[in-house]
Structure formats: C-alpha cells, structure tokens
Amino acid sequence: MAAFKAGNVLITGANRGLGFEMVKQLLEVPCPKWQIFAGCRDPDGPKSEALRELVKKHPSVITIIDVADPCSIKESAKKVGSLLGKNSLNMLVNNAAVLASGSMMTIPAEDMQNTFNTNVMGPLLVIREYLPYLQTAAKARGTSGMSCDKAAVINISSTGGSITSMPSMYTQFPVLPYSVSKAGLNMLTALIAVELKPDEILCMALHPGWVRTDMGGEEVSVGSITTKLMFLKAPLEARESVEGMLRVISSLTENEHGGFMDYTGQTLPW
C-alpha cells in the first residue's frame, strides 16, 4: 500500500474497476475518523453489489452516493455536506468513465453524446458542486502550497486523450468517442487548474495505465451498448495500477498542478 495521508475522499465510479479498487486500498490506510464517499450510478443495482458488501464491513467509513446525472450530483453534494458537518473534503477523484469504440463514420451520434456527457460533463458538474468543501479544506490547513491531503482534484484520464500520442495508435484502437472525450477532460483539467490556483486546490490529470478492467479488457459495457474489443489485452491488474496512482497522488505538490502524469509518475504529453 502506498504511503497515503488520509483525509475525506470522494471517488466517482467506485462500484467497479479502478474506483472500487481505490476504495479497497484506501481502507488499508490507518486513519481514524475519516470518510470515503463512493459515488456511482444506480447504487441499488446489480453492478454495485460488491460495493454494498464492502460498506457492510466498513459502515462508519464508506458512504455510497448517487452521481448518475446533474440532479443526483447536486443532491449528493447536499448529503455529503451534511455528513461532513464542520469537516471538509480533501480529495475528489473523478474516475467514472465510459468507453465507446468507433470511427468518424461508424459512431452513432447518441454514443458520442453519451460519452461526452459522462467523461467531460460529469467531472465538471461534480467539481462544481463539491468545490465549497474543497475550498474549506484548503483554508483549514492554514499553510501555503498544494497537496492531496490538503485539497485536490484528480481527474482520471488516459493517453487515449493525448493529441500527441493517440493518432499513431488510432488504427489499432479506433475509439474516437473515448479519445475525444478524454482530450476534452485534459483541457478541462488544465483550465480548471487555473481557476483553482488562487484557492491552492491541486488539480491534475492522471493516466492509470492500460488496466485489465471492464474498460481495458475484452468487453466494454457502455449503458445499453456492449462493444467487443477483442484486440485489447491490457497488461496491468487494477491493484498494481491503483497502488501506483496512490503513490503518485501522495507525492503531488504545486509543481504538478495542472499537469498530466501516469501511474508511474511519468509526465505525459498533452
């Protein structure tokens, strides 16, 4: 387990894959009186069963919140605010994402819109609704500088969104909606970092590597869409990726603010 200074954390897409693994690993952090807010779609549905079982084992630490749409995101922020009381939110991890494959001529317009809504609009709305709690955390520290245990926004991105790197891989990985949305998330990160700098809230984009999850394996489910991606053979296990990401997150300072890195700590090209 990475050396991580625990504080109150919110993770979206926490019911499976990297988000679920991050919740599990954060539970290994020895820190009393802190909370993990596990955001997901359809908290009562079958895809959240493992998360619900985890909550039963750690009811005083984990709270499941619904972040499926703008209305539920706003309501979840009110719920989290009431649970935090006079405390604050130290870290927001925008992990939830969908992957739809296709090229310019094959991708349905609806799939393109749904991908953008989840991968770009979702993080924007979550950051906006939870910003007051992050601002409280940054002020409460009373010291200058930036770090994840003070106040931070971590947007889980991808090299698939790198305008420098992705074109050479596009014929092998024709995931136009996903790549365009992740490029949008990268720009969102860079611009929000400018807005958050006066509050000393750290903001950066983090690539988890090519991970063997629902999104990195052989079958990708996007709502009602199931896309067979038989060419994907992800080399990383979720635990290895999350261990790396938590190591990177724990070491972040204002020097990485507005940056784009991977789970090994390497700076990536936009």
C-alpha atoms as a PDB file:
ATOM      1  CA  MET A   1       0.000   0.000   0.000  1.00  0.00           C
ATOM      2  CA  ALA A   2       1.301   3.424  -0.953  1.00  0.00           C
ATOM      3  CA  ALA A   3       2.166   5.918   1.770  1.00  0.00           C
ATOM      4  CA  PHE A   4      -1.013   7.960   1.668  1.00  0.00           C
ATOM      5  CA  LYS A   5      -2.076  10.624   4.138  1.00  0.00           C
ATOM      6  CA  ALA A   6      -5.768  10.011   4.533  1.00  0.00           C
ATOM      7  CA  GLY A   7      -8.420  12.664   4.576  1.00  0.00           C
ATOM      8  CA  ASN A   8     -12.042  12.740   3.478  1.00  0.00           C
ATOM      9  CA  VAL A   9     -12.176  11.429  -0.105  1.00  0.00           C
ATOM     10  CA  LEU A  10     -14.830  11.207  -2.821  1.00  0.00           C
ATOM     11  CA  ILE A  11     -14.356   8.740  -5.690  1.00  0.00           C
ATOM     12  CA  THR A  12     -16.736   8.500  -8.637  1.00  0.00           C
ATOM     13  CA  GLY A  13     -17.187   5.229 -10.493  1.00  0.00           C
ATOM     14  CA  ALA A  14     -16.469   3.480  -7.200  1.00  0.00           C
ATOM     15  CA  ASN A  15     -18.637   0.422  -7.723  1.00  0.00           C
ATOM     16  CA  ARG A  16     -16.239  -1.473 -10.004  1.00  0.00           C
ATOM     17  CA  GLY A  17     -12.859  -1.463 -11.702  1.00  0.00           C
ATOM     18  CA  LEU A  18     -10.300   1.121 -10.658  1.00  0.00           C
ATOM     19  CA  GLY A  19     -12.727   3.066  -8.494  1.00  0.00           C
ATOM     20  CA  PHE A  20     -13.658   0.015  -6.436  1.00  0.00           C
ATOM     21  CA  GLU A  21     -10.015  -0.980  -6.107  1.00  0.00           C
ATOM     22  CA  MET A  22      -9.133   2.522  -4.926  1.00  0.00           C
ATOM     23  CA  VAL A  23     -11.804   2.344  -2.228  1.00  0.00           C
ATOM     24  CA  LYS A  24     -10.415  -1.010  -1.075  1.00  0.00           C
ATOM     25  CA  GLN A  25      -6.848   0.245  -0.934  1.00  0.00           C
ATOM     26  CA  LEU A  26      -7.792   3.434   0.894  1.00  0.00           C
ATOM     27  CA  LEU A  27      -9.433   1.269   3.537  1.00  0.00           C
ATOM     28  CA  GLU A  28      -5.940  -0.035   4.303  1.00  0.00           C
ATOM     29  CA  VAL A  29      -4.849   3.447   5.373  1.00  0.00           C
ATOM     30  CA  PRO A  30      -4.658   3.585   9.200  1.00  0.00           C
ATOM     31  CA  CYS A  31      -6.587   6.763   9.882  1.00  0.00           C
ATOM     32  CA  PRO A  32      -9.461   7.185  12.362  1.00  0.00           C
ATOM     33  CA  LYS A  33     -12.460   9.446  11.841  1.00  0.00           C
ATOM     34  CA  TRP A  34     -12.276   9.911   8.098  1.00  0.00           C
ATOM     35  CA  GLN A  35     -14.784   9.165   5.371  1.00  0.00           C
ATOM     36  CA  ILE A  36     -14.792   7.704   1.879  1.00  0.00           C
ATOM     37  CA  PHE A  37     -17.697   8.784  -0.316  1.00  0.00           C
ATOM     38  CA  ALA A  38     -18.165   6.173  -3.041  1.00  0.00           C
ATOM     39  CA  GLY A  39     -20.003   7.666  -5.995  1.00  0.00           C
ATOM     40  CA  CYS A  40     -21.690   5.517  -8.626  1.00  0.00           C
ATOM     41  CA  ARG A  41     -24.699   5.154 -10.876  1.00  0.00           C
ATOM     42  CA  ASP A  42     -27.583   3.036  -9.615  1.00  0.00           C
ATOM     43  CA  PRO A  43     -26.279   2.319  -6.088  1.00  0.00           C
ATOM     44  CA  ASP A  44     -29.013  -0.297  -5.593  1.00  0.00           C
ATOM     45  CA  GLY A  45     -28.364  -2.105  -8.870  1.00  0.00           C
ATOM     46  CA  PRO A  46     -26.501  -5.375  -9.504  1.00  0.00           C
ATOM     47  CA  LYS A  47     -23.287  -3.663 -10.606  1.00  0.00           C
ATOM     48  CA  SER A  48     -22.981  -2.053  -7.152  1.00  0.00           C
ATOM     49  CA  GLU A  49     -23.432  -5.273  -5.158  1.00  0.00           C
ATOM     50  CA  ALA A  50     -19.719  -5.658  -4.340  1.00  0.00           C
ATOM     51  CA  LEU A  51     -19.578  -2.057  -3.139  1.00  0.00           C
ATOM     52  CA  ARG A  52     -22.635  -2.558  -0.938  1.00  0.00           C
ATOM     53  CA  GLU A  53     -20.985  -5.628   0.605  1.00  0.00           C
ATOM     54  CA  LEU A  54     -17.885  -3.575   1.320  1.00  0.00           C
ATOM     55  CA  VAL A  55     -19.985  -0.918   3.039  1.00  0.00           C
ATOM     56  CA  LYS A  56     -21.448  -3.591   5.333  1.00  0.00           C
ATOM     57  CA  LYS A  57     -17.914  -4.336   6.536  1.00  0.00           C
ATOM     58  CA  HIS A  58     -16.979  -0.649   6.961  1.00  0.00           C
ATOM     59  CA  PRO A  59     -20.242   1.240   7.617  1.00  0.00           C
ATOM     60  CA  SER A  60     -18.553   4.017   9.572  1.00  0.00           C
ATOM     61  CA  VAL A  61     -16.094   4.797   6.785  1.00  0.00           C
ATOM     62  CA  ILE A  62     -17.818   4.301   3.410  1.00  0.00           C
ATOM     63  CA  THR A  63     -20.936   6.102   2.235  1.00  0.00           C
ATOM     64  CA  ILE A  64     -22.411   5.351  -1.182  1.00  0.00           C
ATOM     65  CA  ILE A  65     -23.723   8.363  -3.116  1.00  0.00           C
ATOM     66  CA  ASP A  66     -25.579   8.577  -6.417  1.00  0.00           C
ATOM     67  CA  VAL A  67     -23.839  10.652  -9.100  1.00  0.00           C
ATOM     68  CA  ALA A  68     -25.744   9.498 -12.167  1.00  0.00           C
ATOM     69  CA  ASP A  69     -26.909  12.868 -13.507  1.00  0.00           C
ATOM     70  CA  PRO A  70     -26.876  16.608 -12.742  1.00  0.00           C
ATOM     71  CA  CYS A  71     -29.793  16.343 -10.309  1.00  0.00           C
ATOM     72  CA  SER A  72     -28.341  13.425  -8.342  1.00  0.00           C
ATOM     73  CA  ILE A  73     -24.911  15.077  -8.255  1.00  0.00           C
ATOM     74  CA  LYS A  74     -26.436  18.187  -6.701  1.00  0.00           C
ATOM     75  CA  GLU A  75     -28.385  16.110  -4.173  1.00  0.00           C
ATOM     76  CA  SER A  76     -25.319  14.016  -3.335  1.00  0.00           C
ATOM     77  CA  ALA A  77     -23.364  17.188  -2.548  1.00  0.00           C
ATOM     78  CA  LYS A  78     -26.031  18.212  -0.039  1.00  0.00           C
ATOM     79  CA  LYS A  79     -25.878  14.750   1.559  1.00  0.00           C
ATOM     80  CA  VAL A  80     -22.090  14.782   1.754  1.00  0.00           C
ATOM     81  CA  GLY A  81     -22.153  18.287   3.196  1.00  0.00           C
ATOM     82  CA  SER A  82     -24.474  17.182   5.995  1.00  0.00           C
ATOM     83  CA  LEU A  83     -22.270  14.174   6.758  1.00  0.00           C
ATOM     84  CA  LEU A  84     -19.092  16.259   6.747  1.00  0.00           C
ATOM     85  CA  GLY A  85     -20.543  18.801   9.135  1.00  0.00           C
ATOM     86  CA  LYS A  86     -17.737  21.159  10.107  1.00  0.00           C
ATOM     87  CA  ASN A  87     -15.189  18.960   8.348  1.00  0.00           C
ATOM     88  CA  SER A  88     -14.146  19.281   4.716  1.00  0.00           C
ATOM     89  CA  LEU A  89     -13.418  17.239   1.599  1.00  0.00           C
ATOM     90  CA  ASN A  90      -9.710  16.777   0.994  1.00  0.00           C
ATOM     91  CA  MET A  91      -9.714  14.921  -2.300  1.00  0.00           C
ATOM     92  CA  LEU A  92     -12.068  14.405  -5.222  1.00  0.00           C
ATOM     93  CA  VAL A  93     -11.201  11.640  -7.697  1.00  0.00           C
ATOM     94  CA  ASN A  94     -13.174  11.843 -10.938  1.00  0.00           C
ATOM     95  CA  ASN A  95     -12.789   8.236 -12.023  1.00  0.00           C
ATOM     96  CA  ALA A  96     -16.151   7.383 -13.633  1.00  0.00           C
ATOM     97  CA  ALA A  97     -15.961   6.973 -17.399  1.00  0.00           C
ATOM     98  CA  VAL A  98     -17.402   5.057 -20.319  1.00  0.00           C
ATOM     99  CA  LEU A  99     -15.742   3.737 -23.433  1.00  0.00           C
ATOM    100  CA  ALA A 100     -17.469   3.504 -26.804  1.00  0.00           C
ATOM    101  CA  SER A 101     -15.495   2.444 -29.844  1.00  0.00           C
ATOM    102  CA  GLY A 102     -15.990   3.608 -33.402  1.00  0.00           C
ATOM    103  CA  SER A 103     -14.667   5.894 -36.105  1.00  0.00           C
ATOM    104  CA  MET A 104     -15.971   9.121 -37.621  1.00  0.00           C
ATOM    105  CA  MET A 105     -18.344   7.286 -39.967  1.00  0.00           C
ATOM    106  CA  THR A 106     -19.438   4.455 -37.687  1.00  0.00           C
ATOM    107  CA  ILE A 107     -20.077   6.010 -34.289  1.00  0.00           C
ATOM    108  CA  PRO A 108     -23.743   6.813 -33.593  1.00  0.00           C
ATOM    109  CA  ALA A 109     -24.306  10.433 -32.584  1.00  0.00           C
ATOM    110  CA  GLU A 110     -26.037   9.253 -29.397  1.00  0.00           C
ATOM    111  CA  ASP A 111     -22.962   7.274 -28.325  1.00  0.00           C
ATOM    112  CA  MET A 112     -20.750  10.291 -28.935  1.00  0.00           C
ATOM    113  CA  GLN A 113     -23.023  12.487 -26.831  1.00  0.00           C
ATOM    114  CA  ASN A 114     -23.330   9.945 -24.007  1.00  0.00           C
ATOM    115  CA  THR A 115     -19.555   9.531 -23.866  1.00  0.00           C
ATOM    116  CA  PHE A 116     -19.004  13.281 -23.690  1.00  0.00           C
ATOM    117  CA  ASN A 117     -21.674  13.681 -21.018  1.00  0.00           C
ATOM    118  CA  THR A 118     -20.083  11.059 -18.780  1.00  0.00           C
ATOM    119  CA  ASN A 119     -16.400  11.709 -19.403  1.00  0.00           C
ATOM    120  CA  VAL A 120     -16.401  15.517 -19.557  1.00  0.00           C
ATOM    121  CA  MET A 121     -19.649  16.966 -18.247  1.00  0.00           C
ATOM    122  CA  GLY A 122     -19.746  14.536 -15.324  1.00  0.00           C
ATOM    123  CA  PRO A 123     -16.390  15.631 -13.854  1.00  0.00           C
ATOM    124  CA  LEU A 124     -17.221  19.300 -14.471  1.00  0.00           C
ATOM    125  CA  LEU A 125     -20.511  19.075 -12.585  1.00  0.00           C
ATOM    126  CA  VAL A 126     -19.016  17.083  -9.716  1.00  0.00           C
ATOM    127  CA  ILE A 127     -16.158  19.561  -9.280  1.00  0.00           C
ATOM    128  CA  ARG A 128     -18.561  22.487  -9.353  1.00  0.00           C
ATOM    129  CA  GLU A 129     -20.942  21.037  -6.750  1.00  0.00           C
ATOM    130  CA  TYR A 130     -18.187  19.894  -4.377  1.00  0.00           C
ATOM    131  CA  LEU A 131     -15.926  22.915  -4.733  1.00  0.00           C
ATOM    132  CA  PRO A 132     -17.116  24.596  -1.490  1.00  0.00           C
ATOM    133  CA  TYR A 133     -15.998  21.589   0.557  1.00  0.00           C
ATOM    134  CA  LEU A 134     -12.604  21.552  -1.163  1.00  0.00           C
ATOM    135  CA  GLN A 135     -12.220  25.281  -0.531  1.00  0.00           C
ATOM    136  CA  THR A 136     -12.980  24.712   3.145  1.00  0.00           C
ATOM    137  CA  ALA A 137     -10.308  22.017   3.273  1.00  0.00           C
ATOM    138  CA  ALA A 138      -7.703  24.259   1.649  1.00  0.00           C
ATOM    139  CA  LYS A 139      -8.431  27.112   4.079  1.00  0.00           C
ATOM    140  CA  ALA A 140      -8.467  24.812   7.109  1.00  0.00           C
ATOM    141  CA  ARG A 141      -4.887  23.706   6.531  1.00  0.00           C
ATOM    142  CA  GLY A 142      -3.616  27.223   7.133  1.00  0.00           C
ATOM    143  CA  THR A 143      -0.374  26.651   5.228  1.00  0.00           C
ATOM    144  CA  SER A 144       0.757  27.555   1.723  1.00  0.00           C
ATOM    145  CA  GLY A 145       1.351  25.048  -1.040  1.00  0.00           C
ATOM    146  CA  MET A 146      -0.657  22.213  -2.559  1.00  0.00           C
ATOM    147  CA  SER A 147      -1.060  18.519  -1.746  1.00  0.00           C
ATOM    148  CA  CYS A 148      -3.653  15.759  -1.866  1.00  0.00           C
ATOM    149  CA  ASP A 149      -4.072  15.735   1.909  1.00  0.00           C
ATOM    150  CA  LYS A 150      -4.857  19.477   1.806  1.00  0.00           C
ATOM    151  CA  ALA A 151      -7.292  19.754  -1.118  1.00  0.00           C
ATOM    152  CA  ALA A 152      -7.064  18.156  -4.555  1.00  0.00           C
ATOM    153  CA  VAL A 153      -8.988  17.258  -7.692  1.00  0.00           C
ATOM    154  CA  ILE A 154      -7.635  14.203  -9.505  1.00  0.00           C
ATOM    155  CA  ASN A 155      -9.150  13.560 -12.928  1.00  0.00           C
ATOM    156  CA  ILE A 156      -8.518  10.024 -14.151  1.00  0.00           C
ATOM    157  CA  SER A 157      -7.666  10.491 -17.818  1.00  0.00           C
ATOM    158  CA  SER A 158      -5.898   8.425 -20.467  1.00  0.00           C
ATOM    159  CA  THR A 159      -3.172   8.519 -23.081  1.00  0.00           C
ATOM    160  CA  GLY A 160      -6.121   7.929 -25.400  1.00  0.00           C
ATOM    161  CA  GLY A 161      -6.812  11.634 -24.908  1.00  0.00           C
ATOM    162  CA  SER A 162      -3.292  12.724 -25.809  1.00  0.00           C
ATOM    163  CA  ILE A 163      -3.306  14.650 -29.096  1.00  0.00           C
ATOM    164  CA  THR A 164       0.421  13.958 -29.328  1.00  0.00           C
ATOM    165  CA  SER A 165       0.279  10.211 -28.741  1.00  0.00           C
ATOM    166  CA  MET A 166      -3.098   8.908 -29.883  1.00  0.00           C
ATOM    167  CA  PRO A 167      -3.066   9.483 -33.681  1.00  0.00           C
ATOM    168  CA  SER A 168      -0.293   6.914 -34.175  1.00  0.00           C
ATOM    169  CA  MET A 169      -2.344   4.335 -32.242  1.00  0.00           C
ATOM    170  CA  TYR A 170      -5.729   5.169 -33.742  1.00  0.00           C
ATOM    171  CA  THR A 171      -5.811   2.482 -36.433  1.00  0.00           C
ATOM    172  CA  GLN A 172      -5.143  -0.161 -33.780  1.00  0.00           C
ATOM    173  CA  PHE A 173      -7.514   1.393 -31.246  1.00  0.00           C
ATOM    174  CA  PRO A 174     -10.422   3.063 -33.091  1.00  0.00           C
ATOM    175  CA  VAL A 175     -12.062   4.615 -30.038  1.00  0.00           C
ATOM    176  CA  LEU A 176     -12.875   8.066 -31.382  1.00  0.00           C
ATOM    177  CA  PRO A 177     -15.591   8.990 -28.827  1.00  0.00           C
ATOM    178  CA  TYR A 178     -13.442   7.951 -25.880  1.00  0.00           C
ATOM    179  CA  SER A 179     -10.317   9.717 -27.160  1.00  0.00           C
ATOM    180  CA  VAL A 180     -12.147  12.945 -27.998  1.00  0.00           C
ATOM    181  CA  SER A 181     -13.820  12.979 -24.580  1.00  0.00           C
ATOM    182  CA  LYS A 182     -10.565  12.326 -22.734  1.00  0.00           C
ATOM    183  CA  ALA A 183      -8.866  15.097 -24.692  1.00  0.00           C
ATOM    184  CA  GLY A 184     -11.744  17.274 -23.514  1.00  0.00           C
ATOM    185  CA  LEU A 185     -11.184  16.135 -19.935  1.00  0.00           C
ATOM    186  CA  ASN A 186      -7.494  17.030 -20.254  1.00  0.00           C
ATOM    187  CA  MET A 187      -8.353  20.552 -21.386  1.00  0.00           C
ATOM    188  CA  LEU A 188     -10.954  20.795 -18.634  1.00  0.00           C
ATOM    189  CA  THR A 189      -8.249  19.847 -16.131  1.00  0.00           C
ATOM    190  CA  ALA A 190      -5.804  22.441 -17.434  1.00  0.00           C
ATOM    191  CA  LEU A 191      -8.374  25.247 -17.349  1.00  0.00           C
ATOM    192  CA  ILE A 192      -9.917  24.338 -14.009  1.00  0.00           C
ATOM    193  CA  ALA A 193      -6.394  24.252 -12.586  1.00  0.00           C
ATOM    194  CA  VAL A 194      -6.136  27.942 -13.466  1.00  0.00           C
ATOM    195  CA  GLU A 195      -9.394  28.667 -11.627  1.00  0.00           C
ATOM    196  CA  LEU A 196      -8.436  26.595  -8.567  1.00  0.00           C
ATOM    197  CA  LYS A 197      -4.921  28.002  -8.182  1.00  0.00           C
ATOM    198  CA  PRO A 198      -5.924  31.014  -6.026  1.00  0.00           C
ATOM    199  CA  ASP A 199      -7.593  28.607  -3.566  1.00  0.00           C
ATOM    200  CA  GLU A 200      -4.486  26.366  -3.573  1.00  0.00           C
ATOM    201  CA  ILE A 201      -6.542  23.349  -4.599  1.00  0.00           C
ATOM    202  CA  LEU A 202      -4.309  20.976  -6.534  1.00  0.00           C
ATOM    203  CA  CYS A 203      -5.736  19.780  -9.863  1.00  0.00           C
ATOM    204  CA  MET A 204      -4.187  17.366 -12.352  1.00  0.00           C
ATOM    205  CA  ALA A 205      -4.929  14.566 -14.845  1.00  0.00           C
ATOM    206  CA  LEU A 206      -3.723  11.040 -14.112  1.00  0.00           C
ATOM    207  CA  HIS A 207      -3.433   8.120 -16.541  1.00  0.00           C
ATOM    208  CA  PRO A 208      -3.880   4.750 -14.755  1.00  0.00           C
ATOM    209  CA  GLY A 209      -2.119   2.727 -17.416  1.00  0.00           C
ATOM    210  CA  TRP A 210      -3.674   0.072 -19.612  1.00  0.00           C
ATOM    211  CA  VAL A 211      -5.613  -1.863 -16.995  1.00  0.00           C
ATOM    212  CA  ARG A 212      -7.457  -5.178 -17.141  1.00  0.00           C
ATOM    213  CA  THR A 213     -10.927  -3.944 -16.166  1.00  0.00           C
ATOM    214  CA  ASP A 214     -14.313  -3.685 -17.895  1.00  0.00           C
ATOM    215  CA  MET A 215     -12.840  -0.843 -19.933  1.00  0.00           C
ATOM    216  CA  GLY A 216      -9.453  -2.374 -20.652  1.00  0.00           C
ATOM    217  CA  GLY A 217     -10.429  -5.972 -21.209  1.00  0.00           C
ATOM    218  CA  GLU A 218     -12.226  -7.842 -23.944  1.00  0.00           C
ATOM    219  CA  GLU A 219     -15.714  -6.484 -23.392  1.00  0.00           C
ATOM    220  CA  VAL A 220     -16.717  -2.916 -22.725  1.00  0.00           C
ATOM    221  CA  SER A 221     -20.220  -2.128 -21.490  1.00  0.00           C
ATOM    222  CA  VAL A 222     -21.497   1.413 -22.002  1.00  0.00           C
ATOM    223  CA  GLY A 223     -25.053   1.638 -20.730  1.00  0.00           C
ATOM    224  CA  SER A 224     -27.072  -0.424 -23.161  1.00  0.00           C
ATOM    225  CA  ILE A 225     -24.135  -0.768 -25.534  1.00  0.00           C
ATOM    226  CA  THR A 226     -21.760  -3.730 -25.451  1.00  0.00           C
ATOM    227  CA  THR A 227     -18.726  -3.317 -27.656  1.00  0.00           C
ATOM    228  CA  LYS A 228     -16.439  -6.257 -28.332  1.00  0.00           C
ATOM    229  CA  LEU A 229     -12.814  -5.131 -28.270  1.00  0.00           C
ATOM    230  CA  MET A 230     -11.006  -8.411 -28.844  1.00  0.00           C
ATOM    231  CA  PHE A 231      -7.778  -6.575 -29.694  1.00  0.00           C
ATOM    232  CA  LEU A 232      -7.404  -5.181 -26.186  1.00  0.00           C
ATOM    233  CA  LYS A 233      -5.140  -7.251 -23.943  1.00  0.00           C
ATOM    234  CA  ALA A 234      -4.411  -4.981 -21.027  1.00  0.00           C
ATOM    235  CA  PRO A 235      -1.198  -5.908 -19.158  1.00  0.00           C
ATOM    236  CA  LEU A 236      -1.946  -4.265 -15.788  1.00  0.00           C
ATOM    237  CA  GLU A 237      -4.042  -5.553 -12.917  1.00  0.00           C
ATOM    238  CA  ALA A 238      -6.215  -2.984 -11.162  1.00  0.00           C
ATOM    239  CA  ARG A 239      -4.352  -3.373  -7.870  1.00  0.00           C
ATOM    240  CA  GLU A 240      -0.982  -2.554  -9.461  1.00  0.00           C
ATOM    241  CA  SER A 241      -2.403   0.493 -11.224  1.00  0.00           C
ATOM    242  CA  VAL A 242      -4.086   1.860  -8.100  1.00  0.00           C
ATOM    243  CA  GLU A 243      -1.005   1.263  -5.968  1.00  0.00           C
ATOM    244  CA  GLY A 244       0.968   3.331  -8.463  1.00  0.00           C
ATOM    245  CA  MET A 245      -1.637   6.063  -8.691  1.00  0.00           C
ATOM    246  CA  LEU A 246      -1.823   6.414  -4.905  1.00  0.00           C
ATOM    247  CA  ARG A 247       1.962   6.688  -4.738  1.00  0.00           C
ATOM    248  CA  VAL A 248       1.876   9.454  -7.341  1.00  0.00           C
ATOM    249  CA  ILE A 249      -1.071  11.215  -5.694  1.00  0.00           C
ATOM    250  CA  SER A 250       0.593  11.159  -2.288  1.00  0.00           C
ATOM    251  CA  SER A 251       3.707  12.847  -3.699  1.00  0.00           C
ATOM    252  CA  LEU A 252       1.972  15.642  -5.624  1.00  0.00           C
ATOM    253  CA  THR A 253       2.808  19.279  -4.915  1.00  0.00           C
ATOM    254  CA  GLU A 254       2.100  22.605  -6.591  1.00  0.00           C
ATOM    255  CA  ASN A 255       4.810  21.646  -9.098  1.00  0.00           C
ATOM    256  CA  GLU A 256       2.423  19.110 -10.677  1.00  0.00           C
ATOM    257  CA  HIS A 257      -0.606  21.404 -10.563  1.00  0.00           C
ATOM    258  CA  GLY A 258      -2.318  21.456 -13.962  1.00  0.00           C
ATOM    259  CA  GLY A 259      -0.184  18.568 -15.195  1.00  0.00           C
ATOM    260  CA  PHE A 260      -0.737  15.215 -16.912  1.00  0.00           C
ATOM    261  CA  MET A 261       1.038  12.155 -15.473  1.00  0.00           C
ATOM    262  CA  ASP A 262       0.735   8.371 -15.449  1.00  0.00           C
ATOM    263  CA  TYR A 263       0.601   5.887 -12.600  1.00  0.00           C
ATOM    264  CA  THR A 264       4.399   5.569 -12.549  1.00  0.00           C
ATOM    265  CA  GLY A 265       4.908   9.312 -12.060  1.00  0.00           C
ATOM    266  CA  GLN A 266       5.974   9.999 -15.650  1.00  0.00           C
ATOM    267  CA  THR A 267       4.829  13.291 -17.198  1.00  0.00           C
ATOM    268  CA  LEU A 268       2.793  12.683 -20.345  1.00  0.00           C
ATOM    269  CA  PRO A 269       2.428  14.829 -23.479  1.00  0.00           C
ATOM    270  CA  TRP A 270      -0.883  16.575 -23.996  1.00  0.00           C
END
